[in-house]
Amino acid sequence: MISDREVISRFKIKPKDRILDIGGSMRQRDEIRVDTLVDIISPEEAPYGPTKLRAKNFVKVDVTRDKLPFADKEFDFCICSHTLEDLSYPFLAIEEMSRVAKRGLIVTPSMGADMVFSHINFTDWLTGSRRVPGQAHHKWLFYEKGEVIYVVPKNYPLLYSSNFHFTHWSGEEEFVYYWEDKIDHKEVRTLHFHELIHEYKGFVKRNKSKLKRGSVLFYLDSPFYYLKEGVKLLLKKGTGFKYRNNS
């Protein structure tokens, strides 16, 4: 994951810059001095580890529905890290970031990383054996072509088809997109399913040296992960046991 120090160094963030953070309540910035944090929940309400607000200001906004309550170019820099892929509708947030900030940074999982199937797991959901492509709650995939950010629906039935059974990605784990003045983006719509297939296959073709195919639907995995998950299941350890009973 790109660090705060790397962001400050690479993008020449100055101490006096007004920084806007979109969606950062779950993972607040350690070394970047955020002026205003915008999210649907405050850091104190974060479900996986509440923390005290570090930014100067917190503004509660549903960025999938509401515009940001700020003037045009009010902020010097906007950070949106590991948020857009979770949203049901990320395009209003993209447009609003362009409006209220002079420049900024979007960080998401790379498309390749979010297509790779997980290792075998029994305990996070307590719904039996599972392997899923990337993070199961992600709704969008991202890649850049010609300085344009492409926003592609993450379609799980398509990823479960045999053309997309990948077990390893050797490329970058994160998609990092720097922009100035305006975010040039294109939404890939799902009205024509074969256009979506074309997008997926195009990405695979461009990155075939970085993707490794494997068996995923039969839950074949290293014996290490079967042992690990079996022990966790026996000891009732894991995310699923933490958040609900196995009823």
C-alpha atoms as a PDB file:
ATOM      1  CA  MET A   1       0.000   0.000   0.000  1.00  0.00           C
ATOM      2  CA  ILE A   2       1.328   3.431  -0.942  1.00  0.00           C
ATOM      3  CA  SER A   3       2.512   5.135   2.246  1.00  0.00           C
ATOM      4  CA  ASP A   4       1.821   8.656   3.462  1.00  0.00           C
ATOM      5  CA  ARG A   5       5.498   9.502   3.132  1.00  0.00           C
ATOM      6  CA  GLU A   6       5.516   8.320  -0.472  1.00  0.00           C
ATOM      7  CA  VAL A   7       2.426  10.392  -1.250  1.00  0.00           C
ATOM      8  CA  ILE A   8       3.988  13.487   0.324  1.00  0.00           C
ATOM      9  CA  SER A   9       7.269  12.971  -1.537  1.00  0.00           C
ATOM     10  CA  ARG A  10       5.959  11.930  -4.968  1.00  0.00           C
ATOM     11  CA  PHE A  11       3.249  14.546  -5.194  1.00  0.00           C
ATOM     12  CA  LYS A  12       5.064  17.344  -3.352  1.00  0.00           C
ATOM     13  CA  ILE A  13       2.446  17.983  -0.709  1.00  0.00           C
ATOM     14  CA  LYS A  14       3.298  21.033   1.371  1.00  0.00           C
ATOM     15  CA  PRO A  15       2.502  21.515   5.073  1.00  0.00           C
ATOM     16  CA  LYS A  16       0.245  24.479   4.282  1.00  0.00           C
ATOM     17  CA  ASP A  17      -1.831  22.585   1.697  1.00  0.00           C
ATOM     18  CA  ARG A  18      -5.481  22.009   2.539  1.00  0.00           C
ATOM     19  CA  ILE A  19      -6.037  18.264   2.234  1.00  0.00           C
ATOM     20  CA  LEU A  20      -9.417  16.606   1.689  1.00  0.00           C
ATOM     21  CA  ASP A  21      -9.791  12.893   2.448  1.00  0.00           C
ATOM     22  CA  ILE A  22     -12.773  11.105   0.899  1.00  0.00           C
ATOM     23  CA  GLY A  23     -13.792   7.889   2.647  1.00  0.00           C
ATOM     24  CA  GLY A  24     -10.877   7.630   5.053  1.00  0.00           C
ATOM     25  CA  SER A  25     -12.641   6.891   8.339  1.00  0.00           C
ATOM     26  CA  MET A  26     -11.702   3.201   8.322  1.00  0.00           C
ATOM     27  CA  ARG A  27      -8.007   3.959   7.782  1.00  0.00           C
ATOM     28  CA  GLN A  28      -7.012   7.459   8.825  1.00  0.00           C
ATOM     29  CA  ARG A  29      -3.836   9.133   7.621  1.00  0.00           C
ATOM     30  CA  ASP A  30      -0.837   8.828   9.942  1.00  0.00           C
ATOM     31  CA  GLU A  31       1.510  11.433   8.469  1.00  0.00           C
ATOM     32  CA  ILE A  32      -0.586  13.487   6.057  1.00  0.00           C
ATOM     33  CA  ARG A  33      -2.238  16.399   7.855  1.00  0.00           C
ATOM     34  CA  VAL A  34      -5.839  16.155   6.674  1.00  0.00           C
ATOM     35  CA  ASP A  35      -7.915  19.315   6.921  1.00  0.00           C
ATOM     36  CA  THR A  36     -11.304  17.717   6.257  1.00  0.00           C
ATOM     37  CA  LEU A  37     -12.407  14.088   6.300  1.00  0.00           C
ATOM     38  CA  VAL A  38     -15.597  13.191   4.420  1.00  0.00           C
ATOM     39  CA  ASP A  39     -17.318   9.842   4.949  1.00  0.00           C
ATOM     40  CA  ILE A  40     -20.682   8.217   5.636  1.00  0.00           C
ATOM     41  CA  ILE A  41     -19.425   7.256   9.115  1.00  0.00           C
ATOM     42  CA  SER A  42     -17.010   8.974  11.482  1.00  0.00           C
ATOM     43  CA  PRO A  43     -13.775   7.257  12.590  1.00  0.00           C
ATOM     44  CA  GLU A  44     -15.348   6.729  16.001  1.00  0.00           C
ATOM     45  CA  GLU A  45     -18.107   4.669  14.325  1.00  0.00           C
ATOM     46  CA  ALA A  46     -15.808   2.482  12.218  1.00  0.00           C
ATOM     47  CA  PRO A  47     -16.979  -1.144  12.662  1.00  0.00           C
ATOM     48  CA  TYR A  48     -13.562  -2.826  12.412  1.00  0.00           C
ATOM     49  CA  GLY A  49     -11.700  -0.669  14.906  1.00  0.00           C
ATOM     50  CA  PRO A  50     -12.980   2.778  15.908  1.00  0.00           C
ATOM     51  CA  THR A  51     -10.389   5.552  16.262  1.00  0.00           C
ATOM     52  CA  LYS A  52     -10.368   9.165  17.330  1.00  0.00           C
ATOM     53  CA  LEU A  53     -10.714  11.763  14.564  1.00  0.00           C
ATOM     54  CA  ARG A  54      -7.304  13.059  13.468  1.00  0.00           C
ATOM     55  CA  ALA A  55      -8.435  15.543  10.813  1.00  0.00           C
ATOM     56  CA  LYS A  56      -9.348  19.098  11.750  1.00  0.00           C
ATOM     57  CA  ASN A  57     -12.900  18.633  10.503  1.00  0.00           C
ATOM     58  CA  PHE A  58     -15.311  15.792   9.795  1.00  0.00           C
ATOM     59  CA  VAL A  59     -18.248  16.150   7.397  1.00  0.00           C
ATOM     60  CA  LYS A  60     -20.787  13.353   7.045  1.00  0.00           C
ATOM     61  CA  VAL A  61     -21.796  12.921   3.402  1.00  0.00           C
ATOM     62  CA  ASP A  62     -23.204  10.048   1.366  1.00  0.00           C
ATOM     63  CA  VAL A  63     -20.971  10.579  -1.663  1.00  0.00           C
ATOM     64  CA  THR A  64     -23.080   8.217  -3.776  1.00  0.00           C
ATOM     65  CA  ARG A  65     -26.046  10.615  -3.549  1.00  0.00           C
ATOM     66  CA  ASP A  66     -25.016  14.064  -2.318  1.00  0.00           C
ATOM     67  CA  LYS A  67     -22.659  16.704  -3.648  1.00  0.00           C
ATOM     68  CA  LEU A  68     -19.822  17.875  -1.424  1.00  0.00           C
ATOM     69  CA  PRO A  69     -20.623  21.037   0.588  1.00  0.00           C
ATOM     70  CA  PHE A  70     -17.498  22.873  -0.544  1.00  0.00           C
ATOM     71  CA  ALA A  71     -16.644  25.639  -2.998  1.00  0.00           C
ATOM     72  CA  ASP A  72     -14.952  25.006  -6.326  1.00  0.00           C
ATOM     73  CA  LYS A  73     -11.219  24.264  -5.908  1.00  0.00           C
ATOM     74  CA  GLU A  74     -11.436  24.877  -2.158  1.00  0.00           C
ATOM     75  CA  PHE A  75      -8.809  22.202  -1.430  1.00  0.00           C
ATOM     76  CA  ASP A  76      -5.236  21.930  -2.662  1.00  0.00           C
ATOM     77  CA  PHE A  77      -5.183  18.130  -2.720  1.00  0.00           C
ATOM     78  CA  CYS A  78      -7.782  15.365  -2.440  1.00  0.00           C
ATOM     79  CA  ILE A  79      -7.044  11.784  -1.398  1.00  0.00           C
ATOM     80  CA  CYS A  80      -9.497   8.972  -2.068  1.00  0.00           C
ATOM     81  CA  SER A  81      -7.937   5.648  -1.119  1.00  0.00           C
ATOM     82  CA  HIS A  82      -9.657   2.242  -1.238  1.00  0.00           C
ATOM     83  CA  THR A  83     -13.124   3.775  -1.290  1.00  0.00           C
ATOM     84  CA  LEU A  84     -14.458   4.029  -4.856  1.00  0.00           C
ATOM     85  CA  GLU A  85     -14.438   0.259  -5.397  1.00  0.00           C
ATOM     86  CA  ASP A  86     -16.864  -0.125  -2.458  1.00  0.00           C
ATOM     87  CA  LEU A  87     -19.475   2.377  -3.634  1.00  0.00           C
ATOM     88  CA  SER A  88     -22.701   1.471  -5.407  1.00  0.00           C
ATOM     89  CA  TYR A  89     -22.272   4.601  -7.546  1.00  0.00           C
ATOM     90  CA  PRO A  90     -18.751   6.124  -7.547  1.00  0.00           C
ATOM     91  CA  PHE A  91     -19.240   8.635 -10.355  1.00  0.00           C
ATOM     92  CA  LEU A  92     -20.704  11.508  -8.355  1.00  0.00           C
ATOM     93  CA  ALA A  93     -17.734  11.290  -5.975  1.00  0.00           C
ATOM     94  CA  ILE A  94     -15.325  11.363  -8.932  1.00  0.00           C
ATOM     95  CA  GLU A  95     -17.019  14.445 -10.386  1.00  0.00           C
ATOM     96  CA  GLU A  96     -17.142  16.211  -7.035  1.00  0.00           C
ATOM     97  CA  MET A  97     -13.469  15.556  -6.297  1.00  0.00           C
ATOM     98  CA  SER A  98     -12.647  17.215  -9.617  1.00  0.00           C
ATOM     99  CA  ARG A  99     -14.760  20.190  -8.650  1.00  0.00           C
ATOM    100  CA  VAL A 100     -13.605  20.886  -5.095  1.00  0.00           C
ATOM    101  CA  ALA A 101      -9.862  20.097  -5.382  1.00  0.00           C
ATOM    102  CA  LYS A 102      -7.042  21.394  -7.553  1.00  0.00           C
ATOM    103  CA  ARG A 103      -5.392  17.995  -7.809  1.00  0.00           C
ATOM    104  CA  GLY A 104      -5.483  14.651  -6.102  1.00  0.00           C
ATOM    105  CA  LEU A 105      -4.901  10.941  -5.866  1.00  0.00           C
ATOM    106  CA  ILE A 106      -7.190   7.949  -6.355  1.00  0.00           C
ATOM    107  CA  VAL A 107      -6.010   4.586  -5.008  1.00  0.00           C
ATOM    108  CA  THR A 108      -7.870   1.294  -5.473  1.00  0.00           C
ATOM    109  CA  PRO A 109      -6.854  -2.349  -5.748  1.00  0.00           C
ATOM    110  CA  SER A 110      -5.382  -3.008  -9.176  1.00  0.00           C
ATOM    111  CA  MET A 111      -7.751  -4.769 -11.552  1.00  0.00           C
ATOM    112  CA  GLY A 112      -5.468  -7.795 -11.730  1.00  0.00           C
ATOM    113  CA  ALA A 113      -5.194  -8.139  -7.952  1.00  0.00           C
ATOM    114  CA  ASP A 114      -8.973  -7.903  -7.549  1.00  0.00           C
ATOM    115  CA  MET A 115      -9.564 -10.686 -10.096  1.00  0.00           C
ATOM    116  CA  VAL A 116      -7.334 -13.272  -8.402  1.00  0.00           C
ATOM    117  CA  PHE A 117      -9.169 -15.906  -6.372  1.00  0.00           C
ATOM    118  CA  SER A 118      -8.549 -16.023  -2.637  1.00  0.00           C
ATOM    119  CA  HIS A 119      -7.105 -19.005  -0.831  1.00  0.00           C
ATOM    120  CA  ILE A 120      -9.481 -21.514   0.705  1.00  0.00           C
ATOM    121  CA  ASN A 121     -11.389 -20.121   3.690  1.00  0.00           C
ATOM    122  CA  PHE A 122     -13.864 -21.660   6.133  1.00  0.00           C
ATOM    123  CA  THR A 123     -14.053 -19.153   8.974  1.00  0.00           C
ATOM    124  CA  ASP A 124     -14.546 -15.563   7.754  1.00  0.00           C
ATOM    125  CA  TRP A 125     -18.165 -16.065   6.729  1.00  0.00           C
ATOM    126  CA  LEU A 126     -18.977 -19.420   8.364  1.00  0.00           C
ATOM    127  CA  THR A 127     -20.912 -20.432   5.248  1.00  0.00           C
ATOM    128  CA  GLY A 128     -18.705 -23.377   4.303  1.00  0.00           C
ATOM    129  CA  SER A 129     -15.741 -23.567   1.948  1.00  0.00           C
ATOM    130  CA  ARG A 130     -15.202 -20.560  -0.257  1.00  0.00           C
ATOM    131  CA  ARG A 131     -12.809 -18.998  -2.735  1.00  0.00           C
ATOM    132  CA  VAL A 132     -13.770 -15.648  -4.234  1.00  0.00           C
ATOM    133  CA  PRO A 133     -12.191 -13.377  -6.866  1.00  0.00           C
ATOM    134  CA  GLY A 134     -10.570 -10.512  -4.970  1.00  0.00           C
ATOM    135  CA  GLN A 135     -12.560  -8.819  -2.223  1.00  0.00           C
ATOM    136  CA  ALA A 136     -16.183  -9.946  -2.217  1.00  0.00           C
ATOM    137  CA  HIS A 137     -17.599  -6.520  -1.312  1.00  0.00           C
ATOM    138  CA  HIS A 138     -15.936  -4.669  -4.193  1.00  0.00           C
ATOM    139  CA  LYS A 139     -18.276  -3.457  -6.921  1.00  0.00           C
ATOM    140  CA  TRP A 140     -15.878  -1.882  -9.443  1.00  0.00           C
ATOM    141  CA  LEU A 141     -12.542  -2.534 -11.150  1.00  0.00           C
ATOM    142  CA  PHE A 142     -10.172   0.218 -12.295  1.00  0.00           C
ATOM    143  CA  TYR A 143      -7.441   0.625 -14.886  1.00  0.00           C
ATOM    144  CA  GLU A 144      -5.820   3.485 -16.796  1.00  0.00           C
ATOM    145  CA  LYS A 145      -5.484   3.840 -20.556  1.00  0.00           C
ATOM    146  CA  GLY A 146      -4.315   7.003 -22.280  1.00  0.00           C
ATOM    147  CA  GLU A 147      -4.443   8.999 -19.011  1.00  0.00           C
ATOM    148  CA  VAL A 148      -8.135   8.096 -18.650  1.00  0.00           C
ATOM    149  CA  ILE A 149      -9.367   6.088 -15.672  1.00  0.00           C
ATOM    150  CA  TYR A 150     -11.720   3.301 -16.748  1.00  0.00           C
ATOM    151  CA  VAL A 151     -14.345   2.235 -14.213  1.00  0.00           C
ATOM    152  CA  VAL A 152     -15.568  -1.294 -14.907  1.00  0.00           C
ATOM    153  CA  PRO A 153     -18.344  -3.199 -13.075  1.00  0.00           C
ATOM    154  CA  LYS A 154     -16.996  -6.140 -11.101  1.00  0.00           C
ATOM    155  CA  ASN A 155     -19.239  -8.955 -12.305  1.00  0.00           C
ATOM    156  CA  TYR A 156     -18.853 -12.056 -10.156  1.00  0.00           C
ATOM    157  CA  PRO A 157     -20.682 -14.551 -12.427  1.00  0.00           C
ATOM    158  CA  LEU A 158     -18.331 -13.503 -15.231  1.00  0.00           C
ATOM    159  CA  LEU A 159     -15.250 -13.909 -13.036  1.00  0.00           C
ATOM    160  CA  TYR A 160     -16.423 -17.396 -12.054  1.00  0.00           C
ATOM    161  CA  SER A 161     -16.473 -18.461 -15.726  1.00  0.00           C
ATOM    162  CA  SER A 162     -13.451 -20.531 -16.736  1.00  0.00           C
ATOM    163  CA  ASN A 163     -11.739 -17.837 -18.836  1.00  0.00           C
ATOM    164  CA  PHE A 164     -11.038 -15.862 -15.665  1.00  0.00           C
ATOM    165  CA  HIS A 165      -9.837 -18.437 -13.143  1.00  0.00           C
ATOM    166  CA  PHE A 166      -6.664 -16.726 -11.941  1.00  0.00           C
ATOM    167  CA  THR A 167      -4.653 -17.696  -8.885  1.00  0.00           C
ATOM    168  CA  HIS A 168      -1.764 -15.222  -9.064  1.00  0.00           C
ATOM    169  CA  TRP A 169      -1.082 -11.649 -10.164  1.00  0.00           C
ATOM    170  CA  SER A 170       2.522 -10.434 -10.387  1.00  0.00           C
ATOM    171  CA  GLY A 171       1.717  -6.811 -11.208  1.00  0.00           C
ATOM    172  CA  GLU A 172       1.148  -3.872  -8.876  1.00  0.00           C
ATOM    173  CA  GLU A 173      -1.216  -4.555  -5.999  1.00  0.00           C
ATOM    174  CA  GLU A 174      -2.661  -1.051  -6.166  1.00  0.00           C
ATOM    175  CA  PHE A 175      -3.976   1.156  -8.926  1.00  0.00           C
ATOM    176  CA  VAL A 176      -2.630   4.668  -8.274  1.00  0.00           C
ATOM    177  CA  TYR A 177      -4.065   7.505 -10.372  1.00  0.00           C
ATOM    178  CA  TYR A 178      -2.796  11.073  -9.987  1.00  0.00           C
ATOM    179  CA  TRP A 179      -4.841  13.891 -11.481  1.00  0.00           C
ATOM    180  CA  GLU A 180      -4.691  17.658 -11.850  1.00  0.00           C
ATOM    181  CA  ASP A 181      -7.675  19.979 -12.309  1.00  0.00           C
ATOM    182  CA  LYS A 182      -9.981  17.259 -13.669  1.00  0.00           C
ATOM    183  CA  ILE A 183     -10.392  13.482 -13.416  1.00  0.00           C
ATOM    184  CA  ASP A 184     -10.759  12.081 -16.918  1.00  0.00           C
ATOM    185  CA  HIS A 185     -12.839   8.946 -16.500  1.00  0.00           C
ATOM    186  CA  LYS A 186     -14.988   6.579 -18.521  1.00  0.00           C
ATOM    187  CA  GLU A 187     -17.742   4.365 -17.177  1.00  0.00           C
ATOM    188  CA  VAL A 188     -17.977   0.943 -18.782  1.00  0.00           C
ATOM    189  CA  ARG A 189     -21.691   0.119 -18.724  1.00  0.00           C
ATOM    190  CA  THR A 190     -23.239  -3.339 -18.474  1.00  0.00           C
ATOM    191  CA  LEU A 191     -26.165  -2.839 -20.871  1.00  0.00           C
ATOM    192  CA  HIS A 192     -24.388  -5.068 -23.386  1.00  0.00           C
ATOM    193  CA  PHE A 193     -22.852  -7.973 -21.482  1.00  0.00           C
ATOM    194  CA  HIS A 194     -20.481  -8.896 -24.297  1.00  0.00           C
ATOM    195  CA  GLU A 195     -18.931  -5.432 -24.146  1.00  0.00           C
ATOM    196  CA  LEU A 196     -18.091  -6.155 -20.521  1.00  0.00           C
ATOM    197  CA  ILE A 197     -16.567  -9.492 -21.545  1.00  0.00           C
ATOM    198  CA  HIS A 198     -14.539  -7.597 -24.147  1.00  0.00           C
ATOM    199  CA  GLU A 199     -13.210  -5.253 -21.434  1.00  0.00           C
ATOM    200  CA  TYR A 200     -12.182  -8.152 -19.203  1.00  0.00           C
ATOM    201  CA  LYS A 201     -10.531 -10.067 -22.020  1.00  0.00           C
ATOM    202  CA  GLY A 202      -8.740  -6.938 -23.194  1.00  0.00           C
ATOM    203  CA  PHE A 203      -7.241  -6.432 -19.741  1.00  0.00           C
ATOM    204  CA  VAL A 204      -6.184 -10.087 -19.569  1.00  0.00           C
ATOM    205  CA  LYS A 205      -4.573  -9.885 -23.012  1.00  0.00           C
ATOM    206  CA  ARG A 206      -2.611  -6.755 -22.082  1.00  0.00           C
ATOM    207  CA  ASN A 207      -1.442  -8.355 -18.832  1.00  0.00           C
ATOM    208  CA  LYS A 208      -1.176 -12.047 -19.713  1.00  0.00           C
ATOM    209  CA  SER A 209       2.428 -12.245 -18.487  1.00  0.00           C
ATOM    210  CA  LYS A 210       1.308 -11.103 -15.015  1.00  0.00           C
ATOM    211  CA  LEU A 211      -1.681 -13.430 -14.570  1.00  0.00           C
ATOM    212  CA  LYS A 212      -1.463 -17.123 -13.708  1.00  0.00           C
ATOM    213  CA  ARG A 213      -4.379 -19.472 -14.259  1.00  0.00           C
ATOM    214  CA  GLY A 214      -5.363 -22.250 -11.860  1.00  0.00           C
ATOM    215  CA  SER A 215      -8.184 -24.436 -10.560  1.00  0.00           C
ATOM    216  CA  VAL A 216     -10.515 -22.526  -8.281  1.00  0.00           C
ATOM    217  CA  LEU A 217     -14.032 -24.004  -8.418  1.00  0.00           C
ATOM    218  CA  PHE A 218     -12.982 -27.328  -6.901  1.00  0.00           C
ATOM    219  CA  TYR A 219     -11.405 -25.542  -3.948  1.00  0.00           C
ATOM    220  CA  LEU A 220      -7.968 -26.928  -4.751  1.00  0.00           C
ATOM    221  CA  ASP A 221      -5.351 -25.154  -2.685  1.00  0.00           C
ATOM    222  CA  SER A 222      -2.094 -25.699  -0.847  1.00  0.00           C
ATOM    223  CA  PRO A 223      -2.307 -28.186   2.087  1.00  0.00           C
ATOM    224  CA  PHE A 224      -1.007 -25.339   4.266  1.00  0.00           C
ATOM    225  CA  TYR A 225      -4.248 -23.387   3.866  1.00  0.00           C
ATOM    226  CA  TYR A 226      -6.411 -26.435   4.548  1.00  0.00           C
ATOM    227  CA  LEU A 227      -4.449 -27.040   7.769  1.00  0.00           C
ATOM    228  CA  LYS A 228      -4.600 -23.373   8.722  1.00  0.00           C
ATOM    229  CA  GLU A 229      -8.349 -23.096   8.152  1.00  0.00           C
ATOM    230  CA  GLY A 230      -9.029 -26.455   9.811  1.00  0.00           C
ATOM    231  CA  VAL A 231      -7.229 -25.329  12.979  1.00  0.00           C
ATOM    232  CA  LYS A 232      -9.071 -21.986  12.950  1.00  0.00           C
ATOM    233  CA  LEU A 233     -12.383 -23.796  12.556  1.00  0.00           C
ATOM    234  CA  LEU A 234     -11.563 -26.185  15.404  1.00  0.00           C
ATOM    235  CA  LEU A 235     -10.497 -23.350  17.709  1.00  0.00           C
ATOM    236  CA  LYS A 236     -13.339 -21.095  16.548  1.00  0.00           C
ATOM    237  CA  LYS A 237     -10.963 -18.381  15.409  1.00  0.00           C
ATOM    238  CA  GLY A 238     -11.536 -16.010  12.505  1.00  0.00           C
ATOM    239  CA  THR A 239     -13.679 -13.084  11.430  1.00  0.00           C
ATOM    240  CA  GLY A 240     -16.895 -15.084  11.279  1.00  0.00           C
ATOM    241  CA  PHE A 241     -16.641 -16.232  14.886  1.00  0.00           C
ATOM    242  CA  LYS A 242     -15.940 -12.662  15.956  1.00  0.00           C
ATOM    243  CA  TYR A 243     -19.044 -11.143  14.435  1.00  0.00           C
ATOM    244  CA  ARG A 244     -21.716 -13.822  14.654  1.00  0.00           C
ATOM    245  CA  ASN A 245     -22.548 -17.287  15.942  1.00  0.00           C
ATOM    246  CA  ASN A 246     -22.428 -20.259  13.604  1.00  0.00           C
ATOM    247  CA  SER A 247     -26.146 -20.983  13.701  1.00  0.00           C
END
